[in-house]
Every structure is written in C-alpha cells, then in structure tokens.
Amino acid sequence: MASREPPQEASVVILACAADPSLQRAWAEARVPDGFRLRTALPLAAEPFRADGPTLILVGAEEALAAEGALADVLAAAVARCVWVGSADAIERLGAERLAEAYDILVTPVTPGLVSRRLADWSRQIRRTAALADFGRRAEDLAARNDRLAARIAEVETQAEALGHERVRLDRVIARIRQVARLSREINSLDLDRIVRVCIEELPALVEAQRASLYFYDAANDRLTLQGRTPGRPIADRVDLAQNPRSPMALAVRRGELLLIGEFRAFEQAREVVLEREFPETYATASCIIVPLKGGGRVRGVLNLADKKGGERFDEEIDLPVVEQIAELIGASIYNVELYQQMERRAKTDPLTGLANRRGAEEALARESDRSRRYGVPLSLLVLDVDGLKRINDHDGHEAGDAVLTHMAALLAETVRSVDSPARWGGDEFLVVLPDTNGAQAKRLARRLLKRVHERPARLGEKELPATISIGVAEYDREEPLEHLVRRVDQAMYDAKRAGRDRVSDADASGQ
C-alpha cells in the first residue's frame, strides 16, 4: 500500500483502488488540496470500505463489475463514497442505479491536470457540506439562546416577587424581556423580509422609538445600503463611509460598538470626536441609539433608533439592554441568511464555467414558463452543443477541453441579455432561457452566437483551439409540458449536428 501525505495532518483521505495505468500515473503527479491525503490500495479488497474508512474511494468500473460475494456487498453498502473509474463503456455497464448513488465518476484515460481539477472540485464540495453543517449548528445555537432568554424571564420574575418596592420598574423589564424572547423567535429565520420588519416595526415599538432605519454593510466597498425605514421624511439610501467619515454610523462601524447618544454636543466632548448628522431636520430629538449588527466576526449592518416618544432620552438601564440583546441575534441571523444564500448560489452554479448549473437552469425555466402562462408573454429556449469536444480532449487534453467550455460560457454570458438565464446543461451542452423572446428573435440571437464563436476562437496559452457549436431553438407553446419543450429543443440541436454541425436548427421549421 502506497500513500502521498502532506506534512500537515489531513482530515480527508482519498483512496485509489483502481488499477487503471493512466490513473496511477496521474495520482502520483496530481496537485493535492490542503487537508487531503491520497492513498493507493491494490488489488481491490473489502477492508478499505469499513464505515470509518476513507472519505472517498476510487473504484475501477471493471473491478466493480467483476466483484462477487462479500466484496460486492461492501461495494453496495459504500456506493455513496465511491468514485467509479474506467472507460465510458465500463462505467455505463454499472447501471443507472449505481451511477446515481455514487459520489462521482472519472472517465479514463486521465491526466494529472484533470485529476488535480477533480480533486479541487471534491475539496469544494466537501467544504460546502461542512459549511452547511456549521450553518445547522449556528441555528441550534440561536435556539439555545432563546432557551436562555426564557430562563432569564423566570429569573427576573422571581426577583420581581422579592423586590416589591421596584415592582413597577421590574414589570416593565419583564414585559420587555418577554417581548425580546418573542422577537428572537421571529428573527431566528432565513426570511430576510421578516428580519427587516422586526427591525423597523417591532423593535422600535419595544423601546418607544418613533423612527428606525436598517442598513446593510458592504465591507468590500465600505458602503451602507438602506434596507428599510419607518415612513416619513427622507434619509440617505446609501452612505459611502470613506466619503462620510464623521457620520455616526461610520463611527459605529469603525469601532464596532453601540452608540447611545443623549445629546450630540455632550457625546462629542465625551468621546473626543466630531460628528455630522445627515438630514438633521428629519429628527425631532437629538437622542438616538446606533447599533452595529455583528455576525461571523464582522459588522453586517447598522440599526438606527431615534425620537423616543414624549421627547425623552433613551434609558441606559431599560432601553439599552433590550437593544443589545436583540441586536446580537439580528447580526447572527443576517449572517446566517448571507451564508445560506451563498450556499444556495454555489449549489446552483457550475464550478468550471461559473454559469448556472442544471438545477439553476431548471428553476429559471419553471419560473419563466409560469410567467409566460400567467401574462401571455413569449418564451424561447436555446440548446448549444460544442462540436467535436471529444476530439479536442483526445488530441489536446482535457485542460484544452475545459478551456473551450469556459470560453464558450464567457461568449454566451456576454452575448445574452441580463434578463436571460444561460446555464451549463451538462457535459458539452449549454441551455439559455430567453424570457419575452419569440422564436424569430431567438434564432437571431443564435446566429449572433455562431458568428462570435467564429470570430473569437478559444485558446490555451498560445495555442488556438478551433471549435464550433450546433444550436437548437424552440419557442414555448404555453399548452405543452416543459418536458416536451426541452425534448423539442434538444432534438433541434441534434438535427443541426446531423445537418453538418456549426448551424442553427429551429424545432418548428427546417433550415438555417
């Protein structure tokens, strides 16, 4: 048994149990992602497939087909950790069920570059799974905070009974803590609109603030963007902090601390700062609370509360603890929403081309077909297939094939409109959803694509990689099932290939 181990301790073990010569050569030269350990175990045996064994196991398709008895049983039990390796024919003979349940497939022959790219893809997928698990733990932590708030309620109620002389004040605190517990359940959500509503409507009512605004912070551009506010006089929709360094919100973001301001002049003297309050005429009083919302180790937004009812100042003992408690939950929830949205985007993105993947394309098609039926607007589809990609892979290597695919994706993205939805449909096929587009308009777009592909061939370094595309076009008939539309446009693409490739075929009419 041989292994390649990085100097640091690795947490992910990838075991190669496939005897394919090209894999063995590539395995020895591939770039190993951080935290990975590559091992080899030949011949194929049952022992590596134990439950606490390697994270992924590369199994030769021919060896899997020949497996019998106990070996066949352990292969079946561990199929979710298996990467089938071999020729396309051998992998196909494994059957649809084993292909669907497997972690991935690797068609041979392979090169070190292809194996390195695949290892990088697996690394991203494993990290993504770990991130989602961490997201779940964060949600559980928020639930635990709710439990602690409930315990705090019981504690304060006990104290209130023992301290009759402060009953009125404690009753107010208890009522607010109960409301905080209720609001924390509202905030513990992936619904961003609900979080904004709590910040703008319910939290201000809790501390008797008549004005509130919520901004999200874009750290990359050092900019605050308004997400919601109470109705009334205008406030800034966007605040560039570098251009407004004396803004109270800039001070809160820079220092990462809550600001309780009773009167601006006194606050400036105490903190030795100079502030410039934008739109001062919007506010009835000088008293305000400015709260940086933190999550994931940095500021995610800023919540502003102003104009306490009756013209009073915000109370440091009654108002401030409530705001501090709930602001911590708001920041964590905003971070969780951002993390979830990031995971969702990654789950719908093809890692090679950066376009939407098949899942993203299917969602766009379902959304736009529903809109087409509801409003009676046209909808068309394009399916593009790269001609001769297998020849490029065989002649110039899979790195060249990847260069062609990424080049085609870039041409596609810059040619279609911003409302269109280009996606990698699978392998060397791309699909484009074209809302508000009839068949004739879709054909014109397809011809522009053909022209651009001719004018701008793909390159790998200094080497030009000539490739063409065959395009199928179909306009959506609002009475047909989506599966029928996809079959029609796919058939039109194959008609273009049979007619000589490098052309457009209309699903509803012959010709180019």
Protein backbone atom coordinates (compact mmCIF):
# COMPACT_ATOMS: atom_id res chain seq x y z
CA MET A 1 0.00 0.00 0.00
CA ALA A 2 1.44 3.40 -1.04
CA SER A 3 0.42 6.85 0.06
CA ARG A 4 1.14 10.53 -0.54
CA GLU A 5 0.70 12.61 2.61
CA PRO A 6 1.04 16.38 3.13
CA PRO A 7 3.24 17.45 6.05
CA GLN A 8 0.26 18.79 7.99
CA GLU A 9 -2.36 16.46 9.45
CA ALA A 10 -5.06 15.77 6.87
CA SER A 11 -8.72 15.22 7.61
CA VAL A 12 -9.86 13.90 4.19
CA VAL A 13 -8.48 10.59 2.87
CA ILE A 14 -8.96 9.72 -0.82
CA LEU A 15 -8.12 6.08 -1.64
CA ALA A 16 -7.44 4.84 -5.17
CA CYS A 17 -8.38 1.16 -5.62
CA ALA A 18 -8.46 1.31 -9.43
CA ALA A 19 -5.70 -0.38 -11.44
CA ASP A 20 -6.04 1.87 -14.50
CA PRO A 21 -2.46 2.86 -15.57
CA SER A 22 -3.35 6.43 -16.51
CA LEU A 23 -4.98 6.97 -13.12
CA GLN A 24 -1.94 5.57 -11.28
CA ARG A 25 0.38 7.92 -13.19
CA ALA A 26 -1.90 10.92 -12.68
CA TRP A 27 -2.40 10.02 -9.00
CA ALA A 28 1.35 10.28 -8.42
CA GLU A 29 1.63 13.73 -10.07
CA ALA A 30 -1.69 15.42 -9.15
CA ARG A 31 -1.85 18.54 -7.02
CA VAL A 32 -3.16 17.64 -3.56
CA PRO A 33 -5.59 20.18 -1.98
CA ASP A 34 -4.89 21.33 1.56
CA GLY A 35 -6.21 18.89 4.11
CA PHE A 36 -6.25 15.95 1.65
CA ARG A 37 -4.30 12.70 1.84
CA LEU A 38 -4.01 10.48 -1.26
CA ARG A 39 -3.51 6.74 -0.81
CA THR A 40 -3.43 3.70 -3.08
CA ALA A 41 -4.61 0.18 -2.25
CA LEU A 42 -4.37 -2.62 -4.85
CA PRO A 43 -5.87 -5.03 -5.58
CA LEU A 44 -9.48 -4.10 -4.77
CA ALA A 45 -10.46 -5.63 -1.41
CA ALA A 46 -13.23 -5.27 1.19
CA GLU A 47 -11.11 -3.88 4.06
CA PRO A 48 -10.90 -0.17 2.98
CA PHE A 49 -14.71 0.07 2.78
CA ARG A 50 -15.33 -0.07 6.53
CA ALA A 51 -17.55 2.68 7.97
CA ASP A 52 -14.61 4.64 9.46
CA GLY A 53 -12.50 4.26 6.30
CA PRO A 54 -11.53 6.84 3.65
CA THR A 55 -13.80 9.73 2.77
CA LEU A 56 -13.79 8.83 -0.95
CA ILE A 57 -12.70 5.63 -2.71
CA LEU A 58 -11.82 5.43 -6.43
CA VAL A 59 -13.02 2.03 -7.69
CA GLY A 60 -12.36 0.64 -11.16
CA ALA A 61 -15.62 0.02 -13.01
CA GLU A 62 -14.32 -3.29 -14.41
CA GLU A 63 -13.30 -4.46 -10.92
CA ALA A 64 -16.72 -3.45 -9.55
CA LEU A 65 -18.50 -5.37 -12.30
CA ALA A 66 -16.43 -8.45 -11.51
CA ALA A 67 -16.87 -8.21 -7.71
CA GLU A 68 -18.69 -11.11 -6.02
CA GLY A 69 -19.67 -12.21 -2.54
CA ALA A 70 -18.53 -10.10 0.41
CA LEU A 71 -16.69 -7.64 -1.84
CA ALA A 72 -19.85 -6.98 -3.86
CA ASP A 73 -21.77 -6.45 -0.60
CA VAL A 74 -19.36 -3.87 0.81
CA LEU A 75 -19.29 -2.06 -2.54
CA ALA A 76 -23.07 -1.79 -2.48
CA ALA A 77 -23.07 -0.54 1.12
CA ALA A 78 -20.41 2.13 0.46
CA VAL A 79 -21.54 3.27 -3.01
CA ALA A 80 -22.16 6.85 -1.80
CA ARG A 81 -18.40 7.17 -1.09
CA CYS A 82 -17.36 5.59 -4.42
CA VAL A 83 -15.98 7.33 -7.49
CA TRP A 84 -16.31 4.94 -10.45
CA VAL A 85 -13.20 4.96 -12.66
CA GLY A 86 -12.85 3.50 -16.14
CA SER A 87 -13.87 3.80 -19.74
CA ALA A 88 -17.23 5.33 -20.59
CA ASP A 89 -18.49 1.91 -21.72
CA ALA A 90 -17.45 0.17 -18.49
CA ILE A 91 -18.99 2.90 -16.34
CA GLU A 92 -22.22 2.75 -18.34
CA ARG A 93 -22.43 -1.02 -17.69
CA LEU A 94 -22.55 -0.37 -13.93
CA GLY A 95 -26.19 0.57 -14.39
CA ALA A 96 -28.24 3.67 -13.71
CA GLU A 97 -28.80 2.90 -10.02
CA ARG A 98 -25.13 2.61 -9.09
CA LEU A 99 -24.28 5.67 -11.19
CA ALA A 100 -26.99 7.75 -9.49
CA GLU A 101 -25.92 6.72 -5.98
CA ALA A 102 -22.16 7.15 -6.50
CA TYR A 103 -20.32 10.27 -5.34
CA ASP A 104 -18.82 10.91 -8.81
CA ILE A 105 -17.40 9.26 -11.95
CA LEU A 106 -13.98 9.64 -13.62
CA VAL A 107 -13.70 8.59 -17.27
CA THR A 108 -10.25 7.32 -18.28
CA PRO A 109 -7.72 7.89 -19.63
CA VAL A 110 -6.96 10.83 -17.32
CA THR A 111 -4.12 13.32 -16.95
CA PRO A 112 -2.55 14.84 -13.81
CA GLY A 113 -4.23 18.13 -14.67
CA LEU A 114 -7.69 16.55 -14.89
CA VAL A 115 -7.20 14.64 -11.64
CA SER A 116 -5.96 17.84 -9.94
CA ARG A 117 -9.06 19.69 -11.12
CA ARG A 118 -11.34 16.89 -9.94
CA LEU A 119 -9.62 16.80 -6.53
CA ALA A 120 -10.17 20.57 -6.26
CA ASP A 121 -13.88 20.08 -7.12
CA TRP A 122 -14.22 17.40 -4.42
CA SER A 123 -12.47 19.69 -1.95
CA ARG A 124 -15.00 22.46 -2.67
CA GLN A 125 -17.93 20.06 -2.33
CA ILE A 126 -16.65 18.68 0.98
CA ARG A 127 -16.04 22.20 2.32
CA ARG A 128 -19.54 23.21 1.18
CA THR A 129 -21.08 20.26 3.05
CA ALA A 130 -19.09 21.19 6.15
CA ALA A 131 -20.26 24.82 5.86
CA LEU A 132 -23.90 23.72 5.69
CA ALA A 133 -23.35 21.56 8.79
CA ASP A 134 -21.86 24.62 10.52
CA PHE A 135 -24.93 26.58 9.45
CA GLY A 136 -27.09 23.98 11.19
CA ARG A 137 -25.02 24.30 14.35
CA ARG A 138 -25.49 28.08 14.27
CA ALA A 139 -29.24 27.64 14.03
CA GLU A 140 -29.11 25.34 17.06
CA ASP A 141 -27.06 27.98 18.91
CA LEU A 142 -29.75 30.59 18.22
CA ALA A 143 -32.37 28.18 19.60
CA ALA A 144 -30.21 27.72 22.72
CA ARG A 145 -30.11 31.50 23.15
CA ASN A 146 -33.90 31.51 23.09
CA ASP A 147 -33.89 28.93 25.89
CA ARG A 148 -31.50 31.10 27.90
CA LEU A 149 -33.80 34.08 27.40
CA ALA A 150 -36.71 32.02 28.70
CA ALA A 151 -34.63 31.09 31.75
CA ARG A 152 -33.83 34.75 32.25
CA ILE A 153 -37.55 35.54 32.23
CA ALA A 154 -38.13 33.06 35.05
CA GLU A 155 -35.18 34.51 36.97
CA VAL A 156 -36.39 38.09 36.64
CA GLU A 157 -39.94 37.10 37.64
CA THR A 158 -38.53 35.55 40.83
CA GLN A 159 -36.56 38.70 41.57
CA ALA A 160 -39.64 40.85 40.96
CA GLU A 161 -41.59 38.95 43.61
CA ALA A 162 -38.80 39.53 46.16
CA LEU A 163 -38.37 43.24 45.40
CA GLY A 164 -41.80 44.76 45.82
CA HIS A 165 -40.52 48.32 46.08
CA GLU A 166 -39.27 48.15 42.46
CA ARG A 167 -42.27 46.26 41.17
CA VAL A 168 -43.34 48.78 38.56
CA ARG A 169 -39.87 49.10 37.04
CA LEU A 170 -39.28 45.35 37.08
CA ASP A 171 -42.67 44.73 35.49
CA ARG A 172 -41.56 46.88 32.57
CA VAL A 173 -38.29 44.94 32.32
CA ILE A 174 -40.12 41.59 32.46
CA ALA A 175 -42.57 42.66 29.78
CA ARG A 176 -39.73 43.73 27.55
CA ILE A 177 -37.74 40.55 28.10
CA ARG A 178 -40.82 38.54 27.18
CA GLN A 179 -41.16 40.58 24.03
CA VAL A 180 -37.44 40.10 23.28
CA ALA A 181 -37.92 36.34 23.61
CA ARG A 182 -40.82 36.51 21.17
CA LEU A 183 -38.89 38.72 18.73
CA SER A 184 -35.87 36.43 18.94
CA ARG A 185 -38.04 33.61 17.60
CA GLU A 186 -39.13 35.90 14.77
CA ILE A 187 -35.52 36.82 13.98
CA ASN A 188 -34.26 33.22 14.08
CA SER A 189 -35.25 32.84 10.46
CA LEU A 190 -33.89 32.72 6.92
CA ASP A 191 -36.64 35.16 5.84
CA LEU A 192 -34.83 38.47 5.32
CA ASP A 193 -38.10 40.41 4.93
CA ARG A 194 -39.22 39.18 8.35
CA ILE A 195 -35.93 40.27 9.93
CA VAL A 196 -36.24 43.74 8.37
CA ARG A 197 -39.85 44.04 9.57
CA VAL A 198 -38.84 43.24 13.17
CA CYS A 199 -36.07 45.86 13.00
CA ILE A 200 -38.30 48.59 11.57
CA GLU A 201 -41.65 47.90 13.25
CA GLU A 202 -41.46 45.72 16.35
CA LEU A 203 -38.13 46.55 17.99
CA PRO A 204 -38.71 50.36 17.79
CA ALA A 205 -42.12 49.89 19.43
CA LEU A 206 -40.44 47.95 22.23
CA VAL A 207 -38.23 50.93 23.20
CA GLU A 208 -40.81 53.56 22.14
CA ALA A 209 -38.68 54.82 19.23
CA GLN A 210 -40.72 56.63 16.60
CA ARG A 211 -38.09 56.39 13.86
CA ALA A 212 -35.93 53.47 12.77
CA SER A 213 -33.73 52.56 9.82
CA LEU A 214 -31.75 49.46 8.90
CA TYR A 215 -28.66 49.46 6.68
CA PHE A 216 -26.60 46.51 5.41
CA TYR A 217 -22.83 46.95 5.32
CA ASP A 218 -20.81 46.05 2.21
CA ALA A 219 -17.29 45.69 3.63
CA ALA A 220 -15.67 45.33 0.19
CA ASN A 221 -16.92 48.76 -0.90
CA ASP A 222 -17.11 50.29 2.63
CA ARG A 223 -20.72 51.21 1.95
CA LEU A 224 -24.03 51.11 3.84
CA THR A 225 -27.21 50.44 1.85
CA LEU A 226 -30.69 51.15 3.21
CA GLN A 227 -32.88 48.06 3.64
CA GLY A 228 -35.85 49.53 5.46
CA ARG A 229 -37.06 52.57 7.42
CA THR A 230 -40.12 53.97 9.11
CA PRO A 231 -42.23 56.21 6.84
CA GLY A 232 -41.60 59.93 6.94
CA ARG A 233 -39.01 62.41 5.81
CA PRO A 234 -36.20 61.15 3.56
CA ILE A 235 -32.91 59.73 4.73
CA ALA A 236 -29.86 58.58 2.76
CA ASP A 237 -30.40 55.46 0.62
CA ARG A 238 -26.66 54.83 0.60
CA VAL A 239 -23.75 56.02 2.75
CA ASP A 240 -20.17 55.69 1.49
CA LEU A 241 -18.27 55.65 4.76
CA ALA A 242 -14.94 56.72 3.23
CA GLN A 243 -16.67 59.88 1.96
CA ASN A 244 -18.61 60.39 5.21
CA PRO A 245 -16.08 59.56 7.95
CA ARG A 246 -17.89 61.74 10.52
CA SER A 247 -21.22 60.00 10.13
CA PRO A 248 -22.43 58.47 13.43
CA MET A 249 -22.90 55.19 11.55
CA ALA A 250 -19.29 55.34 10.35
CA LEU A 251 -18.15 55.68 13.98
CA ALA A 252 -20.29 52.69 15.00
CA VAL A 253 -18.92 50.54 12.16
CA ARG A 254 -15.28 51.56 12.69
CA ARG A 255 -15.36 50.98 16.45
CA GLY A 256 -17.79 48.07 16.33
CA GLU A 257 -19.66 49.35 19.39
CA LEU A 258 -23.17 50.55 20.20
CA LEU A 259 -23.59 54.33 20.47
CA LEU A 260 -26.17 55.71 22.93
CA ILE A 261 -26.41 59.44 22.23
CA GLY A 262 -28.43 61.67 24.55
CA GLU A 263 -27.25 64.95 23.03
CA PHE A 264 -24.70 65.24 20.23
CA ARG A 265 -22.54 68.00 21.66
CA ALA A 266 -22.09 66.24 25.00
CA PHE A 267 -21.40 62.95 23.23
CA GLU A 268 -18.74 64.55 21.02
CA GLN A 269 -16.99 66.07 24.02
CA ALA A 270 -17.07 62.82 26.00
CA ARG A 271 -15.75 60.74 23.09
CA GLU A 272 -13.48 63.45 21.66
CA VAL A 273 -14.99 63.11 18.19
CA VAL A 274 -16.74 65.38 15.71
CA LEU A 275 -19.94 64.04 14.13
CA GLU A 276 -22.00 65.21 11.18
CA ARG A 277 -25.62 64.00 11.29
CA GLU A 278 -27.09 63.85 7.78
CA PHE A 279 -30.68 65.12 7.38
CA PRO A 280 -30.83 66.52 10.97
CA GLU A 281 -34.19 68.16 10.18
CA THR A 282 -35.68 64.67 9.82
CA TYR A 283 -35.44 64.03 13.58
CA ALA A 284 -37.45 65.62 16.41
CA THR A 285 -34.83 64.98 19.13
CA ALA A 286 -31.07 64.55 19.42
CA SER A 287 -31.33 61.28 21.36
CA CYS A 288 -30.66 58.11 19.36
CA ILE A 289 -29.22 54.59 19.52
CA ILE A 290 -26.89 53.43 16.72
CA VAL A 291 -26.19 49.70 16.78
CA PRO A 292 -23.59 47.83 14.67
CA LEU A 293 -25.04 44.39 13.87
CA LYS A 294 -22.30 41.78 14.11
CA GLY A 295 -22.22 38.24 12.77
CA GLY A 296 -19.49 35.87 11.65
CA GLY A 297 -16.78 38.02 13.21
CA ARG A 298 -17.56 41.33 11.49
CA VAL A 299 -20.18 44.10 11.16
CA ARG A 300 -23.03 43.09 8.83
CA GLY A 301 -25.26 46.14 9.20
CA VAL A 302 -26.34 49.13 11.30
CA LEU A 303 -29.67 49.68 13.08
CA ASN A 304 -30.70 53.26 13.99
CA LEU A 305 -33.37 54.10 16.57
CA ALA A 306 -34.41 57.72 17.18
CA ASP A 307 -37.10 60.07 18.54
CA LYS A 308 -38.31 58.38 21.73
CA LYS A 309 -41.96 59.10 22.45
CA GLY A 310 -42.58 62.15 24.61
CA GLY A 311 -39.26 63.71 23.58
CA GLU A 312 -37.39 61.78 26.29
CA ARG A 313 -33.90 60.35 26.03
CA PHE A 314 -33.35 56.62 25.63
CA ASP A 315 -32.82 54.97 29.03
CA GLU A 316 -29.45 53.32 29.58
CA GLU A 317 -30.84 50.88 32.14
CA ILE A 318 -34.14 49.90 30.49
CA ASP A 319 -33.75 50.53 26.76
CA LEU A 320 -30.09 49.67 26.21
CA PRO A 321 -30.03 46.05 27.50
CA VAL A 322 -33.04 45.19 25.33
CA VAL A 323 -31.45 46.66 22.22
CA GLU A 324 -28.09 44.99 22.93
CA GLN A 325 -29.66 41.56 23.39
CA ILE A 326 -31.76 41.60 20.28
CA ALA A 327 -29.07 43.30 18.12
CA GLU A 328 -26.77 40.33 18.76
CA LEU A 329 -29.46 37.97 17.46
CA ILE A 330 -30.18 40.20 14.45
CA GLY A 331 -26.50 40.25 13.44
CA ALA A 332 -26.23 36.46 13.75
CA SER A 333 -29.43 35.98 11.72
CA ILE A 334 -28.27 38.32 8.94
CA TYR A 335 -25.00 36.37 8.78
CA ASN A 336 -26.92 33.08 8.59
CA VAL A 337 -29.05 34.44 5.76
CA GLU A 338 -25.92 35.53 3.86
CA LEU A 339 -24.32 32.13 4.46
CA TYR A 340 -27.44 30.31 3.29
CA GLN A 341 -27.74 32.47 0.18
CA GLN A 342 -24.07 31.83 -0.59
CA MET A 343 -24.59 28.08 -0.25
CA GLU A 344 -27.68 28.30 -2.44
CA ARG A 345 -25.75 30.18 -5.13
CA ARG A 346 -22.95 27.62 -5.03
CA ALA A 347 -25.43 24.76 -5.23
CA LYS A 348 -26.86 26.29 -8.42
CA THR A 349 -23.52 27.25 -10.04
CA ASP A 350 -21.33 25.16 -12.35
CA PRO A 351 -17.80 25.32 -10.86
CA LEU A 352 -15.99 25.16 -14.22
CA THR A 353 -17.85 27.86 -16.20
CA GLY A 354 -19.37 29.99 -13.46
CA LEU A 355 -22.78 29.76 -15.19
CA ALA A 356 -25.86 28.32 -13.54
CA ASN A 357 -25.84 24.51 -13.40
CA ARG A 358 -28.70 22.21 -14.43
CA ARG A 359 -30.57 22.81 -11.18
CA GLY A 360 -30.36 26.58 -11.65
CA ALA A 361 -31.49 26.26 -15.28
CA GLU A 362 -34.50 24.12 -14.34
CA GLU A 363 -35.56 26.66 -11.70
CA ALA A 364 -35.23 29.54 -14.21
CA LEU A 365 -37.23 27.58 -16.82
CA ALA A 366 -40.01 26.78 -14.32
CA ARG A 367 -40.14 30.41 -13.18
CA GLU A 368 -40.24 31.91 -16.69
CA SER A 369 -42.72 29.35 -18.06
CA ASP A 370 -45.09 30.20 -15.21
CA ARG A 371 -44.69 33.89 -16.04
CA SER A 372 -45.29 33.18 -19.73
CA ARG A 373 -48.55 31.35 -18.98
CA ARG A 374 -49.71 33.98 -16.49
CA TYR A 375 -49.06 37.08 -18.61
CA GLY A 376 -49.16 35.65 -22.12
CA VAL A 377 -45.62 36.77 -22.98
CA PRO A 378 -43.38 34.71 -25.31
CA LEU A 379 -40.59 32.44 -24.08
CA SER A 380 -37.90 30.64 -26.07
CA LEU A 381 -35.07 28.21 -25.40
CA LEU A 382 -31.65 27.65 -26.92
CA VAL A 383 -29.63 24.47 -26.51
CA LEU A 384 -25.98 24.69 -27.64
CA ASP A 385 -23.61 21.78 -28.05
CA VAL A 386 -19.86 22.18 -28.62
CA ASP A 387 -18.93 20.32 -31.82
CA GLY A 388 -16.03 17.91 -31.55
CA LEU A 389 -15.20 18.45 -27.88
CA LYS A 390 -14.20 14.79 -27.57
CA ARG A 391 -11.69 15.25 -30.38
CA ILE A 392 -10.20 18.26 -28.59
CA ASN A 393 -10.00 16.31 -25.33
CA ASP A 394 -8.34 13.34 -27.05
CA HIS A 395 -5.94 15.41 -29.15
CA ASP A 396 -5.08 18.32 -26.83
CA GLY A 397 -6.03 17.02 -23.41
CA HIS A 398 -8.87 17.69 -21.00
CA GLU A 399 -7.34 21.02 -20.00
CA ALA A 400 -7.90 22.18 -23.57
CA GLY A 401 -11.46 20.85 -23.46
CA ASP A 402 -12.08 22.81 -20.25
CA ALA A 403 -10.63 25.93 -21.89
CA VAL A 404 -13.11 25.56 -24.78
CA LEU A 405 -16.06 25.15 -22.37
CA THR A 406 -15.10 28.18 -20.26
CA HIS A 407 -14.54 30.25 -23.42
CA MET A 408 -17.96 29.27 -24.82
CA ALA A 409 -19.56 30.11 -21.46
CA ALA A 410 -17.93 33.56 -21.48
CA LEU A 411 -19.08 34.28 -25.05
CA LEU A 412 -22.58 33.14 -24.12
CA ALA A 413 -22.72 35.30 -20.98
CA GLU A 414 -21.62 38.45 -22.82
CA THR A 415 -23.97 37.89 -25.78
CA VAL A 416 -27.27 37.29 -23.99
CA ARG A 417 -29.25 39.96 -22.11
CA SER A 418 -29.13 40.48 -18.37
CA VAL A 419 -32.69 39.06 -18.08
CA ASP A 420 -31.72 35.85 -19.88
CA SER A 421 -30.57 32.76 -17.97
CA PRO A 422 -27.58 30.94 -19.53
CA ALA A 423 -26.57 27.65 -17.90
CA ARG A 424 -24.36 24.63 -18.36
CA TRP A 425 -26.92 21.93 -19.08
CA GLY A 426 -24.42 19.09 -18.76
CA GLY A 427 -21.17 17.91 -20.37
CA ASP A 428 -20.63 19.99 -23.51
CA GLU A 429 -24.21 21.33 -23.68
CA PHE A 430 -25.47 24.78 -22.65
CA LEU A 431 -29.07 25.95 -22.28
CA VAL A 432 -30.37 29.53 -22.40
CA VAL A 433 -33.81 30.58 -21.11
CA LEU A 434 -34.99 33.64 -23.08
CA PRO A 435 -37.98 35.42 -21.47
CA ASP A 436 -40.08 37.83 -23.58
CA THR A 437 -38.48 36.33 -26.72
CA ASN A 438 -40.24 34.70 -29.66
CA GLY A 439 -38.75 32.06 -31.94
CA ALA A 440 -37.59 34.51 -34.63
CA GLN A 441 -35.78 36.65 -32.06
CA ALA A 442 -34.20 33.55 -30.53
CA LYS A 443 -32.89 32.47 -33.96
CA ARG A 444 -31.29 35.87 -34.49
CA LEU A 445 -29.54 35.55 -31.16
CA ALA A 446 -28.38 32.04 -32.07
CA ARG A 447 -26.86 33.31 -35.32
CA ARG A 448 -25.02 36.07 -33.40
CA LEU A 449 -23.59 33.37 -31.18
CA LEU A 450 -22.39 31.36 -34.19
CA LYS A 451 -20.71 34.49 -35.58
CA ARG A 452 -18.95 35.29 -32.31
CA VAL A 453 -17.67 31.74 -31.96
CA HIS A 454 -16.19 32.01 -35.47
CA GLU A 455 -14.63 35.41 -34.76
CA ARG A 456 -13.18 34.56 -31.36
CA PRO A 457 -11.84 31.00 -31.06
CA ALA A 458 -10.82 29.58 -27.71
CA ARG A 459 -7.14 29.48 -26.75
CA LEU A 460 -4.96 27.54 -24.35
CA GLY A 461 -1.85 29.61 -23.84
CA GLU A 462 -0.61 30.45 -27.33
CA LYS A 463 -2.45 27.56 -28.95
CA GLU A 464 -5.71 28.26 -30.76
CA LEU A 465 -8.47 25.70 -30.18
CA PRO A 466 -10.91 25.92 -33.10
CA ALA A 467 -14.38 24.72 -32.16
CA THR A 468 -17.90 25.34 -33.41
CA ILE A 469 -21.35 24.98 -31.90
CA SER A 470 -24.64 23.46 -33.01
CA ILE A 471 -27.74 25.25 -31.73
CA GLY A 472 -31.34 24.15 -31.32
CA VAL A 473 -34.09 26.80 -31.00
CA ALA A 474 -37.65 26.34 -29.74
CA GLU A 475 -40.46 28.71 -28.75
CA TYR A 476 -42.60 27.68 -25.80
CA ASP A 477 -46.16 26.61 -26.53
CA ARG A 478 -47.98 27.53 -23.32
CA GLU A 479 -50.15 24.42 -23.59
CA GLU A 480 -47.21 21.97 -23.65
CA PRO A 481 -45.44 20.41 -20.67
CA LEU A 482 -41.94 21.71 -20.03
CA GLU A 483 -40.51 18.24 -20.62
CA HIS A 484 -41.89 18.36 -24.15
CA LEU A 485 -40.33 21.78 -24.78
CA VAL A 486 -36.92 20.54 -23.61
CA ARG A 487 -37.17 17.44 -25.82
CA ARG A 488 -38.09 19.57 -28.84
CA VAL A 489 -35.19 22.00 -28.46
CA ASP A 490 -32.79 19.13 -27.74
CA GLN A 491 -33.95 17.34 -30.89
CA ALA A 492 -33.47 20.54 -32.88
CA MET A 493 -29.88 20.72 -31.68
CA TYR A 494 -29.26 17.13 -32.81
CA ASP A 495 -30.86 17.99 -36.17
CA ALA A 496 -28.27 20.78 -36.53
CA LYS A 497 -25.50 18.27 -35.82
CA ARG A 498 -26.82 15.77 -38.34
CA ALA A 499 -27.10 18.52 -40.93
CA GLY A 500 -23.37 19.19 -40.70
CA ARG A 501 -22.83 21.00 -37.36
CA ASP A 502 -21.95 24.69 -36.93
CA ARG A 503 -25.51 25.82 -37.60
CA VAL A 504 -28.91 26.69 -36.10
CA SER A 505 -31.94 24.39 -36.27
CA ASP A 506 -35.46 25.51 -35.41
CA ALA A 507 -37.65 22.98 -33.60
CA ASP A 508 -40.68 24.22 -35.55
CA ALA A 509 -39.14 24.76 -39.01
CA SER A 510 -36.30 23.32 -41.08
CA GLY A 511 -33.46 25.42 -42.42
CA GLN A 512 -30.65 27.52 -41.01
